[in-house]
PDB file of N, CA and C in Angstrom:
ATOM      1  N   MET A   1     110.294 107.871  93.230  1.00  0.00           N
ATOM      2  CA  MET A   1     109.161 108.694  93.588  1.00  0.00           C
ATOM      3  C   MET A   1     108.414 108.094  94.775  1.00  0.00           C
ATOM      4  N   GLY A   2     108.385 106.781  94.874  1.00  0.00           N
ATOM      5  CA  GLY A   2     107.716 106.156  96.006  1.00  0.00           C
ATOM      6  C   GLY A   2     108.405 106.492  97.311  1.00  0.00           C
ATOM      7  N   THR A   3     109.728 106.558  97.272  1.00  0.00           N
ATOM      8  CA  THR A   3     110.487 106.933  98.463  1.00  0.00           C
ATOM      9  C   THR A   3     110.154 108.363  98.858  1.00  0.00           C
ATOM     10  N   PHE A   4     110.039 109.225  97.873  1.00  0.00           N
ATOM     11  CA  PHE A   4     109.702 110.621  98.111  1.00  0.00           C
ATOM     12  C   PHE A   4     108.348 110.731  98.808  1.00  0.00           C
ATOM     13  N   LEU A   5     107.376 110.016  98.306  1.00  0.00           N
ATOM     14  CA  LEU A   5     106.037 110.033  98.890  1.00  0.00           C
ATOM     15  C   LEU A   5     106.041 109.403 100.284  1.00  0.00           C
ATOM     16  N   GLY A   6     106.760 108.296 100.432  1.00  0.00           N
ATOM     17  CA  GLY A   6     106.837 107.633 101.726  1.00  0.00           C
ATOM     18  C   GLY A   6     107.465 108.510 102.797  1.00  0.00           C
ATOM     19  N   LEU A   7     108.510 109.232 102.444  1.00  0.00           N
ATOM     20  CA  LEU A   7     109.148 110.129 103.400  1.00  0.00           C
ATOM     21  C   LEU A   7     108.216 111.251 103.822  1.00  0.00           C
ATOM     22  N   PHE A   8     107.462 111.776 102.878  1.00  0.00           N
ATOM     23  CA  PHE A   8     106.514 112.838 103.217  1.00  0.00           C
ATOM     24  C   PHE A   8     105.458 112.342 104.200  1.00  0.00           C
ATOM     25  N   ILE A   9     104.933 111.161 103.961  1.00  0.00           N
ATOM     26  CA  ILE A   9     103.894 110.629 104.831  1.00  0.00           C
ATOM     27  C   ILE A   9     104.472 110.275 106.202  1.00  0.00           C
ATOM     28  N   TYR A  10     105.686 109.730 106.223  1.00  0.00           N
ATOM     29  CA  TYR A  10     106.313 109.319 107.480  1.00  0.00           C
ATOM     30  C   TYR A  10     106.676 110.518 108.358  1.00  0.00           C
ATOM     31  N   THR A  11     107.224 111.560 107.749  1.00  0.00           N
ATOM     32  CA  THR A  11     107.705 112.692 108.542  1.00  0.00           C
ATOM     33  C   THR A  11     106.616 113.696 108.884  1.00  0.00           C
ATOM     34  N   ALA A  12     105.528 113.675 108.179  1.00  0.00           N
ATOM     35  CA  ALA A  12     104.468 114.658 108.422  1.00  0.00           C
ATOM     36  C   ALA A  12     103.525 114.179 109.519  1.00  0.00           C
ATOM     37  N   PRO A  13     102.983 115.095 110.300  1.00  0.00           N
ATOM     38  CA  PRO A  13     101.971 114.687 111.280  1.00  0.00           C
ATOM     39  C   PRO A  13     100.717 114.185 110.555  1.00  0.00           C
ATOM     40  N   GLN A  14      99.960 113.361 111.242  1.00  0.00           N
ATOM     41  CA  GLN A  14      98.780 112.763 110.624  1.00  0.00           C
ATOM     42  C   GLN A  14      97.689 113.808 110.409  1.00  0.00           C
ATOM     43  N   GLY A  15      96.942 113.647 109.351  1.00  0.00           N
ATOM     44  CA  GLY A  15      95.835 114.541 109.063  1.00  0.00           C
ATOM     45  C   GLY A  15      95.505 114.530 107.586  1.00  0.00           C
ATOM     46  N   VAL A  16      94.251 114.809 107.270  1.00  0.00           N
ATOM     47  CA  VAL A  16      93.793 114.810 105.887  1.00  0.00           C
ATOM     48  C   VAL A  16      94.458 115.933 105.103  1.00  0.00           C
ATOM     49  N   TYR A  17      94.603 117.101 105.726  1.00  0.00           N
ATOM     50  CA  TYR A  17      95.223 118.236 105.049  1.00  0.00           C
ATOM     51  C   TYR A  17      96.659 117.906 104.656  1.00  0.00           C
ATOM     52  N   VAL A  18      97.392 117.292 105.557  1.00  0.00           N
ATOM     53  CA  VAL A  18      98.791 116.954 105.282  1.00  0.00           C
ATOM     54  C   VAL A  18      98.879 115.907 104.180  1.00  0.00           C
ATOM     55  N   LEU A  19      98.001 114.911 104.220  1.00  0.00           N
ATOM     56  CA  LEU A  19      98.003 113.895 103.176  1.00  0.00           C
ATOM     57  C   LEU A  19      97.676 114.508 101.816  1.00  0.00           C
ATOM     58  N   GLY A  20      96.685 115.395 101.771  1.00  0.00           N
ATOM     59  CA  GLY A  20      96.349 116.072 100.517  1.00  0.00           C
ATOM     60  C   GLY A  20      97.488 116.914  99.999  1.00  0.00           C
ATOM     61  N   ASN A  21      98.166 117.613 100.900  1.00  0.00           N
ATOM     62  CA  ASN A  21      99.311 118.427 100.509  1.00  0.00           C
ATOM     63  C   ASN A  21     100.448 117.551  99.983  1.00  0.00           C
ATOM     64  N   THR A  22     100.659 116.394 100.598  1.00  0.00           N
ATOM     65  CA  THR A  22     101.697 115.470 100.152  1.00  0.00           C
ATOM     66  C   THR A  22     101.415 114.991  98.731  1.00  0.00           C
ATOM     67  N   ILE A  23     100.176 114.636  98.471  1.00  0.00           N
ATOM     68  CA  ILE A  23      99.811 114.176  97.135  1.00  0.00           C
ATOM     69  C   ILE A  23      99.964 115.300  96.122  1.00  0.00           C
ATOM     70  N   LEU A  24      99.603 116.516  96.506  1.00  0.00           N
ATOM     71  CA  LEU A  24      99.761 117.658  95.612  1.00  0.00           C
ATOM     72  C   LEU A  24     101.223 117.897  95.265  1.00  0.00           C
ATOM     73  N   VAL A  25     102.095 117.861  96.255  1.00  0.00           N
ATOM     74  CA  VAL A  25     103.532 118.058  96.004  1.00  0.00           C
ATOM     75  C   VAL A  25     104.062 116.938  95.120  1.00  0.00           C
ATOM     76  N   PHE A  26     103.663 115.705  95.385  1.00  0.00           N
ATOM     77  CA  PHE A  26     104.084 114.568  94.575  1.00  0.00           C
ATOM     78  C   PHE A  26     103.683 114.767  93.112  1.00  0.00           C
ATOM     79  N   MET A  27     102.452 115.200  92.889  1.00  0.00           N
ATOM     80  CA  MET A  27     101.971 115.422  91.522  1.00  0.00           C
ATOM     81  C   MET A  27     102.715 116.569  90.845  1.00  0.00           C
ATOM     82  N   GLU A  28     103.018 117.623  91.604  1.00  0.00           N
ATOM     83  CA  GLU A  28     103.760 118.745  91.031  1.00  0.00           C
ATOM     84  C   GLU A  28     105.173 118.331  90.638  1.00  0.00           C
ATOM     85  N   VAL A  29     105.837 117.557  91.478  1.00  0.00           N
ATOM     86  CA  VAL A  29     107.189 117.089  91.157  1.00  0.00           C
ATOM     87  C   VAL A  29     107.156 116.166  89.943  1.00  0.00           C
ATOM     88  N   ALA A  30     106.191 115.262  89.895  1.00  0.00           N
ATOM     89  CA  ALA A  30     106.077 114.346  88.756  1.00  0.00           C
ATOM     90  C   ALA A  30     105.807 115.109  87.462  1.00  0.00           C
ATOM     91  N   THR A  31     104.964 116.121  87.516  1.00  0.00           N
ATOM     92  CA  THR A  31     104.689 116.927  86.326  1.00  0.00           C
ATOM     93  C   THR A  31     105.936 117.684  85.881  1.00  0.00           C
ATOM     94  N   GLY A  32     106.667 118.247  86.836  1.00  0.00           N
ATOM     95  CA  GLY A  32     107.907 118.943  86.507  1.00  0.00           C
ATOM     96  C   GLY A  32     108.920 118.018  85.852  1.00  0.00           C
ATOM     97  N   LEU A  33     109.083 116.817  86.397  1.00  0.00           N
ATOM     98  CA  LEU A  33     110.006 115.850  85.799  1.00  0.00           C
ATOM     99  C   LEU A  33     109.545 115.430  84.406  1.00  0.00           C
ATOM    100  N   ALA A  34     108.243 115.291  84.226  1.00  0.00           N
ATOM    101  CA  ALA A  34     107.711 114.919  82.918  1.00  0.00           C
ATOM    102  C   ALA A  34     108.036 115.987  81.871  1.00  0.00           C
ATOM    103  N   PHE A  35     107.892 117.258  82.250  1.00  0.00           N
ATOM    104  CA  PHE A  35     108.237 118.334  81.323  1.00  0.00           C
ATOM    105  C   PHE A  35     109.726 118.322  80.988  1.00  0.00           C
ATOM    106  N   ILE A  36     110.551 118.145  81.986  1.00  0.00           N
ATOM    107  CA  ILE A  36     112.000 118.127  81.758  1.00  0.00           C
ATOM    108  C   ILE A  36     112.387 116.958  80.858  1.00  0.00           C
ATOM    109  N   PHE A  37     111.862 115.754  81.152  1.00  0.00           N
ATOM    110  CA  PHE A  37     112.159 114.588  80.318  1.00  0.00           C
ATOM    111  C   PHE A  37     111.656 114.793  78.894  1.00  0.00           C
ATOM    112  N   GLY A  38     110.471 115.382  78.770  1.00  0.00           N
ATOM    113  CA  GLY A  38     109.900 115.615  77.444  1.00  0.00           C
ATOM    114  C   GLY A  38     110.710 116.590  76.613  1.00  0.00           C
ATOM    115  N   ILE A  39     111.276 117.600  77.255  1.00  0.00           N
ATOM    116  CA  ILE A  39     112.090 118.588  76.536  1.00  0.00           C
ATOM    117  C   ILE A  39     113.459 118.017  76.194  1.00  0.00           C
ATOM    118  N   LEU A  40     114.084 117.322  77.153  1.00  0.00           N
ATOM    119  CA  LEU A  40     115.438 116.827  76.948  1.00  0.00           C
ATOM    120  C   LEU A  40     115.505 115.585  76.064  1.00  0.00           C
ATOM    121  N   PHE A  41     114.533 114.690  76.165  1.00  0.00           N
ATOM    122  CA  PHE A  41     114.603 113.421  75.453  1.00  0.00           C
ATOM    123  C   PHE A  41     113.507 113.340  74.404  1.00  0.00           C
ATOM    124  N   THR A  42     112.426 112.667  74.697  1.00  0.00           N
ATOM    125  CA  THR A  42     111.295 112.559  73.778  1.00  0.00           C
ATOM    126  C   THR A  42     110.016 112.890  74.537  1.00  0.00           C
ATOM    127  N   PRO A  43     108.948 113.246  73.850  1.00  0.00           N
ATOM    128  CA  PRO A  43     107.726 113.629  74.547  1.00  0.00           C
ATOM    129  C   PRO A  43     107.181 112.565  75.499  1.00  0.00           C
ATOM    130  N   ARG A  44     107.412 111.288  75.246  1.00  0.00           N
ATOM    131  CA  ARG A  44     106.872 110.239  76.113  1.00  0.00           C
ATOM    132  C   ARG A  44     107.958 109.556  76.942  1.00  0.00           C
ATOM    133  N   ALA A  45     109.076 110.225  77.151  1.00  0.00           N
ATOM    134  CA  ALA A  45     110.171 109.642  77.928  1.00  0.00           C
ATOM    135  C   ALA A  45     109.766 109.393  79.370  1.00  0.00           C
ATOM    136  N   TRP A  46     108.912 110.238  79.924  1.00  0.00           N
ATOM    137  CA  TRP A  46     108.484 110.071  81.308  1.00  0.00           C
ATOM    138  C   TRP A  46     107.751 108.754  81.504  1.00  0.00           C
ATOM    139  N   CYS A  47     107.092 108.262  80.479  1.00  0.00           N
ATOM    140  CA  CYS A  47     106.297 107.036  80.607  1.00  0.00           C
ATOM    141  C   CYS A  47     107.152 105.830  80.979  1.00  0.00           C
ATOM    142  N   THR A  48     108.446 105.852  80.676  1.00  0.00           N
ATOM    143  CA  THR A  48     109.302 104.714  81.002  1.00  0.00           C
ATOM    144  C   THR A  48     109.673 104.674  82.467  1.00  0.00           C
ATOM    145  N   VAL A  49     109.626 105.799  83.163  1.00  0.00           N
ATOM    146  CA  VAL A  49     109.978 105.834  84.582  1.00  0.00           C
ATOM    147  C   VAL A  49     108.806 106.215  85.479  1.00  0.00           C
ATOM    148  N   CYS A  50     107.676 106.472  84.911  1.00  0.00           N
ATOM    149  CA  CYS A  50     106.484 106.835  85.675  1.00  0.00           C
ATOM    150  C   CYS A  50     106.066 105.678  86.585  1.00  0.00           C
ATOM    151  N   PRO A  51     105.733 105.961  87.848  1.00  0.00           N
ATOM    152  CA  PRO A  51     105.323 104.876  88.740  1.00  0.00           C
ATOM    153  C   PRO A  51     104.118 104.092  88.225  1.00  0.00           C
ATOM    154  N   MET A  52     103.193 104.750  87.567  1.00  0.00           N
ATOM    155  CA  MET A  52     102.013 104.069  87.051  1.00  0.00           C
ATOM    156  C   MET A  52     102.398 103.122  85.910  1.00  0.00           C
ATOM    157  N   GLY A  53     103.250 103.583  85.000  1.00  0.00           N
ATOM    158  CA  GLY A  53     103.709 102.733  83.906  1.00  0.00           C
ATOM    159  C   GLY A  53     104.535 101.560  84.401  1.00  0.00           C
ATOM    160  N   PHE A  54     105.355 101.797  85.396  1.00  0.00           N
ATOM    161  CA  PHE A  54     106.188 100.751  85.984  1.00  0.00           C
ATOM    162  C   PHE A  54     105.311  99.657  86.590  1.00  0.00           C
ATOM    163  N   THR A  55     104.295 100.051  87.337  1.00  0.00           N
ATOM    164  CA  THR A  55     103.397  99.094  87.967  1.00  0.00           C
ATOM    165  C   THR A  55     102.596  98.330  86.916  1.00  0.00           C
ATOM    166  N   THR A  56     102.139  99.023  85.893  1.00  0.00           N
ATOM    167  CA  THR A  56     101.379  98.368  84.826  1.00  0.00           C
ATOM    168  C   THR A  56     102.233  97.326  84.120  1.00  0.00           C
ATOM    169  N   GLY A  57     103.492  97.669  83.848  1.00  0.00           N
ATOM    170  CA  GLY A  57     104.412  96.720  83.213  1.00  0.00           C
ATOM    171  C   GLY A  57     104.647  95.496  84.078  1.00  0.00           C
ATOM    172  N   ASN A  58     104.798  95.697  85.374  1.00  0.00           N
ATOM    173  CA  ASN A  58     104.989  94.566  86.281  1.00  0.00           C
ATOM    174  C   ASN A  58     103.759  93.674  86.322  1.00  0.00           C
ATOM    175  N   LEU A  59     102.582  94.271  86.359  1.00  0.00           N
ATOM    176  CA  LEU A  59     101.352  93.481  86.370  1.00  0.00           C
ATOM    177  C   LEU A  59     101.190  92.691  85.073  1.00  0.00           C
ATOM    178  N   ARG A  60     101.519  93.308  83.949  1.00  0.00           N
ATOM    179  CA  ARG A  60     101.411  92.620  82.662  1.00  0.00           C
ATOM    180  C   ARG A  60     102.345  91.411  82.633  1.00  0.00           C
ATOM    181  N   THR A  61     103.581  91.597  83.096  1.00  0.00           N
ATOM    182  CA  THR A  61     104.547  90.503  83.124  1.00  0.00           C
ATOM    183  C   THR A  61     104.066  89.379  84.034  1.00  0.00           C
ATOM    184  N   LEU A  62     103.535  89.744  85.193  1.00  0.00           N
ATOM    185  CA  LEU A  62     103.021  88.748  86.134  1.00  0.00           C
ATOM    186  C   LEU A  62     101.871  87.949  85.521  1.00  0.00           C
ATOM    187  N   LEU A  63     100.956  88.628  84.844  1.00  0.00           N
ATOM    188  CA  LEU A  63      99.820  87.939  84.228  1.00  0.00           C
ATOM    189  C   LEU A  63     100.269  87.047  83.069  1.00  0.00           C
ATOM    190  N   GLU A  64     101.274  87.499  82.313  1.00  0.00           N
ATOM    191  CA  GLU A  64     101.774  86.672  81.212  1.00  0.00           C
ATOM    192  C   GLU A  64     102.436  85.410  81.744  1.00  0.00           C
ATOM    193  N   ARG A  65     103.214  85.535  82.826  1.00  0.00           N
ATOM    194  CA  ARG A  65     103.837  84.358  83.440  1.00  0.00           C
ATOM    195  C   ARG A  65     102.792  83.384  83.953  1.00  0.00           C
ATOM    196  N   LYS A  66     101.763  83.929  84.576  1.00  0.00           N
ATOM    197  CA  LYS A  66     100.708  83.092  85.132  1.00  0.00           C
ATOM    198  C   LYS A  66     100.007  82.321  84.002  1.00  0.00           C
ATOM    199  N   GLY A  67      99.791  82.969  82.876  1.00  0.00           N
ATOM    200  CA  GLY A  67      99.159  82.304  81.726  1.00  0.00           C
ATOM    201  C   GLY A  67     100.038  81.244  81.129  1.00  0.00           C
ATOM    202  N   LYS A  68     101.360  81.443  81.108  1.00  0.00           N
ATOM    203  CA  LYS A  68     102.285  80.462  80.536  1.00  0.00           C
ATOM    204  C   LYS A  68     102.430  79.230  81.421  1.00  0.00           C
ATOM    205  N   ASN A  69     102.193  79.373  82.705  1.00  0.00           N
ATOM    206  CA  ASN A  69     102.320  78.236  83.616  1.00  0.00           C
ATOM    207  C   ASN A  69     101.098  77.325  83.591  1.00  0.00           C
ATOM    208  N   GLY A  70     100.093  77.688  82.813  1.00  0.00           N
ATOM    209  CA  GLY A  70      98.923  76.848  82.684  1.00  0.00           C
ATOM    210  C   GLY A  70      97.868  77.083  83.751  1.00  0.00           C
ATOM    211  N   LYS A  71      98.035  78.099  84.569  1.00  0.00           N
ATOM    212  CA  LYS A  71      97.060  78.381  85.623  1.00  0.00           C
ATOM    213  C   LYS A  71      95.943  79.270  85.106  1.00  0.00           C
ATOM    214  N   GLY A  72      96.121  79.855  83.943  1.00  0.00           N
ATOM    215  CA  GLY A  72      95.096  80.754  83.395  1.00  0.00           C
ATOM    216  C   GLY A  72      95.250  82.161  83.938  1.00  0.00           C
ATOM    217  N   ALA A  73      94.719  83.113  83.167  1.00  0.00           N
ATOM    218  CA  ALA A  73      94.830  84.507  83.585  1.00  0.00           C
ATOM    219  C   ALA A  73      93.498  85.061  83.981  1.00  0.00           C
TER     220      ALA A  73
END
């Protein structure tokens, strides 16, 4: 999904309207995928591939490693 968003921003001319439209399309695609995953697999299947969940998981892992190394969190 990040590649999808990056391509939209890179190929589109600069402007607030274009950026807003890009975010809207990104949200519509993500919602569509969430519905498809929810119907085909389980209601929360999208959460495993969602960019927000992915980033949260990475941050949690990073903070846990930092705490185990004795540097504190």
